[in-house]
Amino acid sequence: MTTNVLFTVDAFAEPGLLPRLLQPFAKRDLTPDHVLSRREGEMLRVELGMEAMPAEMAHLVAGNLGQVIGVTRVTETRREALREAA
């Protein structure tokens, strides 16, 4: 089963942050469908979304994102993907 996931990450705006946030996806051979980053003063808000992430990997990726140096908060929003009728 897959799930539609949006991770919202708040972190200190530091050089090298964005590649570190992509690492939890890359090590699981996943590619986010979209990445949006916006600076807000000294902080950076980054949204990383996947429309069909294997459901069992979502909590692992969220945990890894929370361990990235500089990250202060990770929010995970899920919506189970609907199966299309054949």
Protein backbone atom coordinates (compact mmCIF):
# COMPACT_ATOMS: atom_id res chain seq x y z
CA MET A 1 0.00 0.00 0.00
CA THR A 2 1.18 3.50 -0.77
CA THR A 3 0.39 6.78 0.88
CA ASN A 4 0.41 10.41 -0.15
CA VAL A 5 2.82 12.13 2.26
CA LEU A 6 3.83 15.71 2.87
CA PHE A 7 6.71 16.36 5.25
CA THR A 8 7.02 19.93 6.50
CA VAL A 9 10.42 20.65 8.05
CA ASP A 10 11.45 23.73 10.02
CA ALA A 11 15.20 24.17 10.36
CA PHE A 12 17.92 26.75 10.75
CA ALA A 13 18.89 28.15 7.34
CA GLU A 14 22.39 26.70 6.94
CA PRO A 15 24.50 25.83 3.90
CA GLY A 16 24.11 22.15 3.06
CA LEU A 17 20.71 21.74 4.73
CA LEU A 18 18.74 20.90 1.59
CA PRO A 19 20.97 17.98 0.46
CA ARG A 20 20.88 16.61 4.03
CA LEU A 21 17.07 16.64 3.89
CA LEU A 22 17.07 14.65 0.64
CA GLN A 23 19.36 11.94 2.05
CA PRO A 24 16.60 9.96 3.90
CA PHE A 25 14.78 9.62 0.56
CA ALA A 26 17.89 8.75 -1.46
CA LYS A 27 19.07 5.99 0.86
CA ARG A 28 15.68 4.27 0.35
CA ASP A 29 15.80 4.77 -3.43
CA LEU A 30 12.93 7.29 -3.28
CA THR A 31 12.60 10.61 -5.09
CA PRO A 32 10.23 13.28 -3.74
CA ASP A 33 7.61 14.48 -6.21
CA HIS A 34 8.06 18.04 -5.04
CA VAL A 35 10.37 20.08 -2.83
CA LEU A 36 9.56 23.64 -1.81
CA SER A 37 11.82 25.72 0.39
CA ARG A 38 11.17 29.16 1.81
CA ARG A 39 13.41 31.24 4.05
CA GLU A 40 11.73 32.94 7.01
CA GLY A 41 14.39 35.04 8.75
CA GLU A 42 16.98 32.69 10.26
CA MET A 43 14.76 29.67 9.62
CA LEU A 44 13.95 27.66 6.53
CA ARG A 45 10.63 25.89 5.96
CA VAL A 46 10.92 22.97 3.55
CA GLU A 47 8.07 20.87 2.17
CA LEU A 48 8.92 17.48 0.69
CA GLY A 49 6.05 15.53 -0.84
CA MET A 50 5.48 12.14 -2.40
CA GLU A 51 2.23 10.98 -3.95
CA ALA A 52 2.94 7.24 -3.75
CA MET A 53 5.38 6.53 -0.93
CA PRO A 54 5.41 2.97 0.40
CA ALA A 55 3.38 3.39 3.60
CA GLU A 56 5.88 1.46 5.75
CA MET A 57 8.66 3.93 4.84
CA ALA A 58 6.89 7.16 5.79
CA HIS A 59 7.61 6.98 9.52
CA LEU A 60 11.24 5.99 8.83
CA VAL A 61 11.79 9.01 6.59
CA ALA A 62 10.08 11.29 9.13
CA GLY A 63 12.36 9.98 11.88
CA ASN A 64 15.47 10.51 9.78
CA LEU A 65 14.40 14.05 8.85
CA GLY A 66 14.07 14.85 12.54
CA GLN A 67 17.66 13.73 13.14
CA VAL A 68 19.17 16.08 10.55
CA ILE A 69 21.37 18.69 12.23
CA GLY A 70 19.57 22.03 12.40
CA VAL A 71 16.03 20.63 12.16
CA THR A 72 13.72 21.91 14.88
CA ARG A 73 10.41 20.35 13.79
CA VAL A 74 9.04 17.78 11.34
CA THR A 75 5.34 17.48 10.57
CA GLU A 76 4.07 14.50 8.60
CA THR A 77 0.70 14.69 6.85
CA ARG A 78 -0.63 11.51 5.22
CA ARG A 79 -3.54 10.57 3.02
CA GLU A 80 -3.92 6.96 1.98
CA ALA A 81 -3.78 6.56 -1.79
CA LEU A 82 -6.97 5.31 -3.35
CA ARG A 83 -6.78 2.30 -5.64
CA GLU A 84 -8.27 2.85 -9.04
CA ALA A 85 -11.01 0.48 -10.16
CA ALA A 86 -9.95 -1.75 -13.03
